[in-house]
Amino acid sequence: MKLNSGCNKDLMVLTTAHEFGHVVGLGHENNRCARMNPTLEPDGTPNHCTQHTLRYWLSHVLQKDDLQGARAIYQR
């Protein structure tokens, strides 16, 4: 994991959520909006997601794809 020197606390929160996704077994999502997208914009917007403010992303950390992935792994 590489954080730019200008990475603020809020972006670290989003990055930590992404990395925790790996801990629970999620991989990168390269085709749909998800916290598990491999990169994000400076405002916290993951790849393939509609642009929003950092404040928005801090209150909408997980996306539908992230939740579906976790359910697929752990729901029985």
PDB file of N, CA and C in Angstrom:
ATOM      1  N   MET A   1       0.851  -1.163   0.000  1.00  0.00           N
ATOM      2  CA  MET A   1       0.000   0.000   0.000  1.00  0.00           C
ATOM      3  C   MET A   1       0.895   1.224   0.000  1.00  0.00           C
ATOM      4  N   LYS A   2       0.583   2.196  -0.856  1.00  0.00           N
ATOM      5  CA  LYS A   2       1.364   3.424  -0.928  1.00  0.00           C
ATOM      6  C   LYS A   2       0.426   4.608  -0.758  1.00  0.00           C
ATOM      7  N   LEU A   3       0.678   5.418   0.272  1.00  0.00           N
ATOM      8  CA  LEU A   3      -0.084   6.644   0.480  1.00  0.00           C
ATOM      9  C   LEU A   3       0.801   7.819   0.128  1.00  0.00           C
ATOM     10  N   ASN A   4       0.259   8.762  -0.612  1.00  0.00           N
ATOM     11  CA  ASN A   4       1.013   9.965  -0.926  1.00  0.00           C
ATOM     12  C   ASN A   4       1.262  10.760   0.341  1.00  0.00           C
ATOM     13  N   SER A   5       2.321  11.548   0.351  1.00  0.00           N
ATOM     14  CA  SER A   5       2.669  12.317   1.545  1.00  0.00           C
ATOM     15  C   SER A   5       1.568  13.284   1.956  1.00  0.00           C
ATOM     16  N   GLY A   6       0.728  13.711   1.032  1.00  0.00           N
ATOM     17  CA  GLY A   6      -0.354  14.638   1.344  1.00  0.00           C
ATOM     18  C   GLY A   6      -1.647  13.960   1.762  1.00  0.00           C
ATOM     19  N   CYS A   7      -1.613  12.663   2.003  1.00  0.00           N
ATOM     20  CA  CYS A   7      -2.820  11.918   2.354  1.00  0.00           C
ATOM     21  C   CYS A   7      -3.297  12.339   3.741  1.00  0.00           C
ATOM     22  N   ASN A   8      -4.514  12.865   3.808  1.00  0.00           N
ATOM     23  CA  ASN A   8      -5.034  13.326   5.093  1.00  0.00           C
ATOM     24  C   ASN A   8      -5.744  12.201   5.845  1.00  0.00           C
ATOM     25  N   LYS A   9      -6.149  12.496   7.068  1.00  0.00           N
ATOM     26  CA  LYS A   9      -6.778  11.497   7.935  1.00  0.00           C
ATOM     27  C   LYS A   9      -8.024  10.889   7.298  1.00  0.00           C
ATOM     28  N   ASP A  10      -8.845  11.704   6.644  1.00  0.00           N
ATOM     29  CA  ASP A  10     -10.074  11.196   6.041  1.00  0.00           C
ATOM     30  C   ASP A  10      -9.787  10.196   4.925  1.00  0.00           C
ATOM     31  N   LEU A  11      -8.803  10.486   4.094  1.00  0.00           N
ATOM     32  CA  LEU A  11      -8.443   9.533   3.038  1.00  0.00           C
ATOM     33  C   LEU A  11      -7.836   8.263   3.628  1.00  0.00           C
ATOM     34  N   MET A  12      -7.151   8.396   4.751  1.00  0.00           N
ATOM     35  CA  MET A  12      -6.612   7.208   5.421  1.00  0.00           C
ATOM     36  C   MET A  12      -7.744   6.318   5.929  1.00  0.00           C
ATOM     37  N   VAL A  13      -8.843   6.919   6.386  1.00  0.00           N
ATOM     38  CA  VAL A  13     -10.011   6.141   6.822  1.00  0.00           C
ATOM     39  C   VAL A  13     -10.542   5.313   5.659  1.00  0.00           C
ATOM     40  N   LEU A  14     -10.697   5.939   4.490  1.00  0.00           N
ATOM     41  CA  LEU A  14     -11.206   5.222   3.322  1.00  0.00           C
ATOM     42  C   LEU A  14     -10.227   4.146   2.856  1.00  0.00           C
ATOM     43  N   THR A  15      -8.945   4.453   2.915  1.00  0.00           N
ATOM     44  CA  THR A  15      -7.927   3.478   2.527  1.00  0.00           C
ATOM     45  C   THR A  15      -7.919   2.297   3.496  1.00  0.00           C
ATOM     46  N   THR A  16      -8.085   2.581   4.776  1.00  0.00           N
ATOM     47  CA  THR A  16      -8.142   1.512   5.776  1.00  0.00           C
ATOM     48  C   THR A  16      -9.349   0.614   5.532  1.00  0.00           C
ATOM     49  N   ALA A  17     -10.492   1.208   5.186  1.00  0.00           N
ATOM     50  CA  ALA A  17     -11.686   0.408   4.868  1.00  0.00           C
ATOM     51  C   ALA A  17     -11.400  -0.509   3.677  1.00  0.00           C
ATOM     52  N   HIS A  18     -10.725   0.023   2.668  1.00  0.00           N
ATOM     53  CA  HIS A  18     -10.349  -0.774   1.494  1.00  0.00           C
ATOM     54  C   HIS A  18      -9.440  -1.935   1.908  1.00  0.00           C
ATOM     55  N   GLU A  19      -8.419  -1.630   2.681  1.00  0.00           N
ATOM     56  CA  GLU A  19      -7.470  -2.669   3.092  1.00  0.00           C
ATOM     57  C   GLU A  19      -8.137  -3.706   3.985  1.00  0.00           C
ATOM     58  N   PHE A  20      -9.069  -3.282   4.843  1.00  0.00           N
ATOM     59  CA  PHE A  20      -9.803  -4.237   5.669  1.00  0.00           C
ATOM     60  C   PHE A  20     -10.635  -5.169   4.788  1.00  0.00           C
ATOM     61  N   GLY A  21     -11.120  -4.654   3.664  1.00  0.00           N
ATOM     62  CA  GLY A  21     -11.828  -5.514   2.715  1.00  0.00           C
ATOM     63  C   GLY A  21     -10.965  -6.685   2.275  1.00  0.00           C
ATOM     64  N   HIS A  22      -9.666  -6.424   2.060  1.00  0.00           N
ATOM     65  CA  HIS A  22      -8.753  -7.518   1.709  1.00  0.00           C
ATOM     66  C   HIS A  22      -8.632  -8.508   2.867  1.00  0.00           C
ATOM     67  N   VAL A  23      -8.590  -7.995   4.092  1.00  0.00           N
ATOM     68  CA  VAL A  23      -8.476  -8.864   5.275  1.00  0.00           C
ATOM     69  C   VAL A  23      -9.641  -9.843   5.338  1.00  0.00           C
ATOM     70  N   VAL A  24     -10.842  -9.375   4.992  1.00  0.00           N
ATOM     71  CA  VAL A  24     -12.016 -10.257   5.062  1.00  0.00           C
ATOM     72  C   VAL A  24     -12.215 -11.077   3.788  1.00  0.00           C
ATOM     73  N   GLY A  25     -11.299 -10.943   2.831  1.00  0.00           N
ATOM     74  CA  GLY A  25     -11.329 -11.811   1.666  1.00  0.00           C
ATOM     75  C   GLY A  25     -11.757 -11.185   0.356  1.00  0.00           C
ATOM     76  N   LEU A  26     -12.004  -9.888   0.334  1.00  0.00           N
ATOM     77  CA  LEU A  26     -12.421  -9.234  -0.913  1.00  0.00           C
ATOM     78  C   LEU A  26     -11.211  -8.881  -1.764  1.00  0.00           C
ATOM     79  N   GLY A  27     -11.368  -9.010  -3.062  1.00  0.00           N
ATOM     80  CA  GLY A  27     -10.328  -8.598  -3.997  1.00  0.00           C
ATOM     81  C   GLY A  27     -10.670  -7.244  -4.599  1.00  0.00           C
ATOM     82  N   HIS A  28      -9.829  -6.779  -5.507  1.00  0.00           N
ATOM     83  CA  HIS A  28     -10.107  -5.516  -6.189  1.00  0.00           C
ATOM     84  C   HIS A  28     -11.276  -5.678  -7.152  1.00  0.00           C
ATOM     85  N   GLU A  29     -12.075  -4.646  -7.260  1.00  0.00           N
ATOM     86  CA  GLU A  29     -13.179  -4.589  -8.229  1.00  0.00           C
ATOM     87  C   GLU A  29     -12.767  -3.597  -9.303  1.00  0.00           C
ATOM     88  N   ASN A  30     -12.663  -4.066 -10.528  1.00  0.00           N
ATOM     89  CA  ASN A  30     -12.191  -3.218 -11.622  1.00  0.00           C
ATOM     90  C   ASN A  30     -13.275  -2.782 -12.595  1.00  0.00           C
ATOM     91  N   ASN A  31     -14.525  -3.186 -12.373  1.00  0.00           N
ATOM     92  CA  ASN A  31     -15.574  -2.890 -13.349  1.00  0.00           C
ATOM     93  C   ASN A  31     -16.769  -2.124 -12.812  1.00  0.00           C
ATOM     94  N   ARG A  32     -16.954  -2.084 -11.506  1.00  0.00           N
ATOM     95  CA  ARG A  32     -18.119  -1.413 -10.912  1.00  0.00           C
ATOM     96  C   ARG A  32     -17.670  -0.510  -9.770  1.00  0.00           C
ATOM     97  N   CYS A  33     -18.566   0.372  -9.346  1.00  0.00           N
ATOM     98  CA  CYS A  33     -18.308   1.259  -8.214  1.00  0.00           C
ATOM     99  C   CYS A  33     -18.195   0.435  -6.935  1.00  0.00           C
ATOM    100  N   ALA A  34     -17.067   0.548  -6.250  1.00  0.00           N
ATOM    101  CA  ALA A  34     -16.858  -0.194  -5.006  1.00  0.00           C
ATOM    102  C   ALA A  34     -15.711   0.427  -4.223  1.00  0.00           C
ATOM    103  N   ARG A  35     -15.765   0.300  -2.907  1.00  0.00           N
ATOM    104  CA  ARG A  35     -14.621   0.710  -2.084  1.00  0.00           C
ATOM    105  C   ARG A  35     -13.415  -0.142  -2.453  1.00  0.00           C
ATOM    106  N   MET A  36     -13.658  -1.314  -2.997  1.00  0.00           N
ATOM    107  CA  MET A  36     -12.576  -2.213  -3.358  1.00  0.00           C
ATOM    108  C   MET A  36     -11.977  -1.897  -4.734  1.00  0.00           C
ATOM    109  N   ASN A  37     -12.350  -0.777  -5.350  1.00  0.00           N
ATOM    110  CA  ASN A  37     -11.643  -0.336  -6.547  1.00  0.00           C
ATOM    111  C   ASN A  37     -10.192  -0.067  -6.150  1.00  0.00           C
ATOM    112  N   PRO A  38      -9.229  -0.352  -7.033  1.00  0.00           N
ATOM    113  CA  PRO A  38      -7.825  -0.229  -6.644  1.00  0.00           C
ATOM    114  C   PRO A  38      -7.328   1.202  -6.447  1.00  0.00           C
ATOM    115  N   THR A  39      -8.008   2.185  -7.003  1.00  0.00           N
ATOM    116  CA  THR A  39      -7.570   3.574  -6.819  1.00  0.00           C
ATOM    117  C   THR A  39      -8.769   4.462  -6.535  1.00  0.00           C
ATOM    118  N   LEU A  40      -8.463   5.637  -5.980  1.00  0.00           N
ATOM    119  CA  LEU A  40      -9.514   6.616  -5.734  1.00  0.00           C
ATOM    120  C   LEU A  40      -8.998   8.008  -6.030  1.00  0.00           C
ATOM    121  N   GLU A  41      -9.933   8.911  -6.235  1.00  0.00           N
ATOM    122  CA  GLU A  41      -9.609  10.306  -6.512  1.00  0.00           C
ATOM    123  C   GLU A  41      -9.266  11.021  -5.199  1.00  0.00           C
ATOM    124  N   PRO A  42      -8.644  12.197  -5.267  1.00  0.00           N
ATOM    125  CA  PRO A  42      -8.321  12.943  -4.044  1.00  0.00           C
ATOM    126  C   PRO A  42      -9.537  13.282  -3.177  1.00  0.00           C
ATOM    127  N   ASP A  43     -10.738  13.286  -3.779  1.00  0.00           N
ATOM    128  CA  ASP A  43     -11.946  13.562  -2.988  1.00  0.00           C
ATOM    129  C   ASP A  43     -12.547  12.283  -2.411  1.00  0.00           C
ATOM    130  N   GLY A  44     -11.853  11.152  -2.553  1.00  0.00           N
ATOM    131  CA  GLY A  44     -12.324   9.891  -2.000  1.00  0.00           C
ATOM    132  C   GLY A  44     -13.172   9.062  -2.938  1.00  0.00           C
ATOM    133  N   THR A  45     -13.454   9.571  -4.136  1.00  0.00           N
ATOM    134  CA  THR A  45     -14.286   8.844  -5.089  1.00  0.00           C
ATOM    135  C   THR A  45     -13.512   7.667  -5.684  1.00  0.00           C
ATOM    136  N   PRO A  46     -14.003   6.427  -5.484  1.00  0.00           N
ATOM    137  CA  PRO A  46     -13.349   5.271  -6.101  1.00  0.00           C
ATOM    138  C   PRO A  46     -13.568   5.271  -7.621  1.00  0.00           C
ATOM    139  N   ASN A  47     -12.723   4.520  -8.340  1.00  0.00           N
ATOM    140  CA  ASN A  47     -12.924   4.334  -9.788  1.00  0.00           C
ATOM    141  C   ASN A  47     -14.347   3.859 -10.047  1.00  0.00           C
ATOM    142  N   HIS A  48     -14.889   4.201 -11.181  1.00  0.00           N
ATOM    143  CA  HIS A  48     -16.201   3.724 -11.637  1.00  0.00           C
ATOM    144  C   HIS A  48     -17.366   4.224 -10.784  1.00  0.00           C
ATOM    145  N   CYS A  49     -17.132   5.191  -9.909  1.00  0.00           N
ATOM    146  CA  CYS A  49     -18.207   5.737  -9.076  1.00  0.00           C
ATOM    147  C   CYS A  49     -18.513   7.167  -9.505  1.00  0.00           C
ATOM    148  N   THR A  50     -19.740   7.587  -9.276  1.00  0.00           N
ATOM    149  CA  THR A  50     -20.120   8.969  -9.533  1.00  0.00           C
ATOM    150  C   THR A  50     -19.351   9.874  -8.582  1.00  0.00           C
ATOM    151  N   GLN A  51     -18.822  10.968  -9.103  1.00  0.00           N
ATOM    152  CA  GLN A  51     -18.036  11.903  -8.305  1.00  0.00           C
ATOM    153  C   GLN A  51     -18.878  12.518  -7.191  1.00  0.00           C
ATOM    154  N   HIS A  52     -18.364  12.467  -5.963  1.00  0.00           N
ATOM    155  CA  HIS A  52     -18.992  13.094  -4.799  1.00  0.00           C
ATOM    156  C   HIS A  52     -17.901  13.728  -3.950  1.00  0.00           C
ATOM    157  N   THR A  53     -18.312  14.424  -2.909  1.00  0.00           N
ATOM    158  CA  THR A  53     -17.355  15.053  -2.004  1.00  0.00           C
ATOM    159  C   THR A  53     -16.773  14.023  -1.038  1.00  0.00           C
ATOM    160  N   LEU A  54     -15.667  14.379  -0.432  1.00  0.00           N
ATOM    161  CA  LEU A  54     -15.055  13.516   0.573  1.00  0.00           C
ATOM    162  C   LEU A  54     -16.023  13.282   1.728  1.00  0.00           C
ATOM    163  N   ARG A  55     -16.741  14.296   2.123  1.00  0.00           N
ATOM    164  CA  ARG A  55     -17.731  14.153   3.201  1.00  0.00           C
ATOM    165  C   ARG A  55     -18.763  13.076   2.850  1.00  0.00           C
ATOM    166  N   TYR A  56     -19.212  13.072   1.595  1.00  0.00           N
ATOM    167  CA  TYR A  56     -20.158  12.048   1.141  1.00  0.00           C
ATOM    168  C   TYR A  56     -19.553  10.656   1.315  1.00  0.00           C
ATOM    169  N   TRP A  57     -18.328  10.469   0.830  1.00  0.00           N
ATOM    170  CA  TRP A  57     -17.716   9.138   0.865  1.00  0.00           C
ATOM    171  C   TRP A  57     -17.455   8.669   2.290  1.00  0.00           C
ATOM    172  N   LEU A  58     -17.210   9.588   3.210  1.00  0.00           N
ATOM    173  CA  LEU A  58     -17.002   9.196   4.600  1.00  0.00           C
ATOM    174  C   LEU A  58     -18.287   8.676   5.235  1.00  0.00           C
ATOM    175  N   SER A  59     -19.427   9.073   4.692  1.00  0.00           N
ATOM    176  CA  SER A  59     -20.699   8.561   5.221  1.00  0.00           C
ATOM    177  C   SER A  59     -21.295   7.462   4.334  1.00  0.00           C
ATOM    178  N   HIS A  60     -20.632   7.145   3.232  1.00  0.00           N
ATOM    179  CA  HIS A  60     -21.053   6.072   2.321  1.00  0.00           C
ATOM    180  C   HIS A  60     -19.823   5.232   1.962  1.00  0.00           C
ATOM    181  N   VAL A  61     -19.164   4.717   2.971  1.00  0.00           N
ATOM    182  CA  VAL A  61     -17.885   4.035   2.760  1.00  0.00           C
ATOM    183  C   VAL A  61     -18.043   2.799   1.885  1.00  0.00           C
ATOM    184  N   LEU A  62     -18.990   1.939   2.231  1.00  0.00           N
ATOM    185  CA  LEU A  62     -19.189   0.712   1.461  1.00  0.00           C
ATOM    186  C   LEU A  62     -20.219   0.916   0.366  1.00  0.00           C
ATOM    187  N   GLN A  63     -19.993   0.292  -0.748  1.00  0.00           N
ATOM    188  CA  GLN A  63     -20.904   0.357  -1.877  1.00  0.00           C
ATOM    189  C   GLN A  63     -21.600  -0.993  -2.038  1.00  0.00           C
ATOM    190  N   LYS A  64     -22.611  -1.025  -2.876  1.00  0.00           N
ATOM    191  CA  LYS A  64     -23.403  -2.241  -3.090  1.00  0.00           C
ATOM    192  C   LYS A  64     -22.507  -3.431  -3.441  1.00  0.00           C
ATOM    193  N   ASP A  65     -21.537  -3.212  -4.306  1.00  0.00           N
ATOM    194  CA  ASP A  65     -20.654  -4.297  -4.728  1.00  0.00           C
ATOM    195  C   ASP A  65     -19.836  -4.845  -3.558  1.00  0.00           C
ATOM    196  N   ASP A  66     -19.380  -3.969  -2.667  1.00  0.00           N
ATOM    197  CA  ASP A  66     -18.619  -4.411  -1.495  1.00  0.00           C
ATOM    198  C   ASP A  66     -19.471  -5.322  -0.619  1.00  0.00           C
ATOM    199  N   LEU A  67     -20.705  -4.908  -0.371  1.00  0.00           N
ATOM    200  CA  LEU A  67     -21.614  -5.688   0.472  1.00  0.00           C
ATOM    201  C   LEU A  67     -21.965  -7.022  -0.177  1.00  0.00           C
ATOM    202  N   GLN A  68     -22.200  -7.006  -1.489  1.00  0.00           N
ATOM    203  CA  GLN A  68     -22.503  -8.259  -2.189  1.00  0.00           C
ATOM    204  C   GLN A  68     -21.324  -9.223  -2.114  1.00  0.00           C
ATOM    205  N   GLY A  69     -20.116  -8.695  -2.231  1.00  0.00           N
ATOM    206  CA  GLY A  69     -18.927  -9.539  -2.140  1.00  0.00           C
ATOM    207  C   GLY A  69     -18.787 -10.178  -0.767  1.00  0.00           C
ATOM    208  N   ALA A  70     -19.017  -9.392   0.279  1.00  0.00           N
ATOM    209  CA  ALA A  70     -18.929  -9.929   1.642  1.00  0.00           C
ATOM    210  C   ALA A  70     -20.016 -10.975   1.883  1.00  0.00           C
ATOM    211  N   ARG A  71     -21.216 -10.707   1.390  1.00  0.00           N
ATOM    212  CA  ARG A  71     -22.302 -11.688   1.545  1.00  0.00           C
ATOM    213  C   ARG A  71     -21.974 -12.990   0.820  1.00  0.00           C
ATOM    214  N   ALA A  72     -21.394 -12.875  -0.357  1.00  0.00           N
ATOM    215  CA  ALA A  72     -21.051 -14.074  -1.126  1.00  0.00           C
ATOM    216  C   ALA A  72     -20.031 -14.935  -0.379  1.00  0.00           C
ATOM    217  N   ILE A  73     -19.156 -14.292   0.383  1.00  0.00           N
ATOM    218  CA  ILE A  73     -18.140 -15.036   1.128  1.00  0.00           C
ATOM    219  C   ILE A  73     -18.709 -15.626   2.413  1.00  0.00           C
ATOM    220  N   TYR A  74     -19.514 -14.852   3.144  1.00  0.00           N
ATOM    221  CA  TYR A  74     -19.886 -15.229   4.512  1.00  0.00           C
ATOM    222  C   TYR A  74     -21.331 -15.649   4.724  1.00  0.00           C
ATOM    223  N   GLN A  75     -22.215 -15.348   3.807  1.00  0.00           N
ATOM    224  CA  GLN A  75     -23.613 -15.720   4.004  1.00  0.00           C
ATOM    225  C   GLN A  75     -23.802 -17.190   3.670  1.00  0.00           C
ATOM    226  N   ARG A  76     -24.478 -17.895   4.541  1.00  0.00           N
ATOM    227  CA  ARG A  76     -24.699 -19.331   4.302  1.00  0.00           C
ATOM    228  C   ARG A  76     -26.147 -19.653   4.379  1.00  0.00           C
TER     229      ARG A  76
END
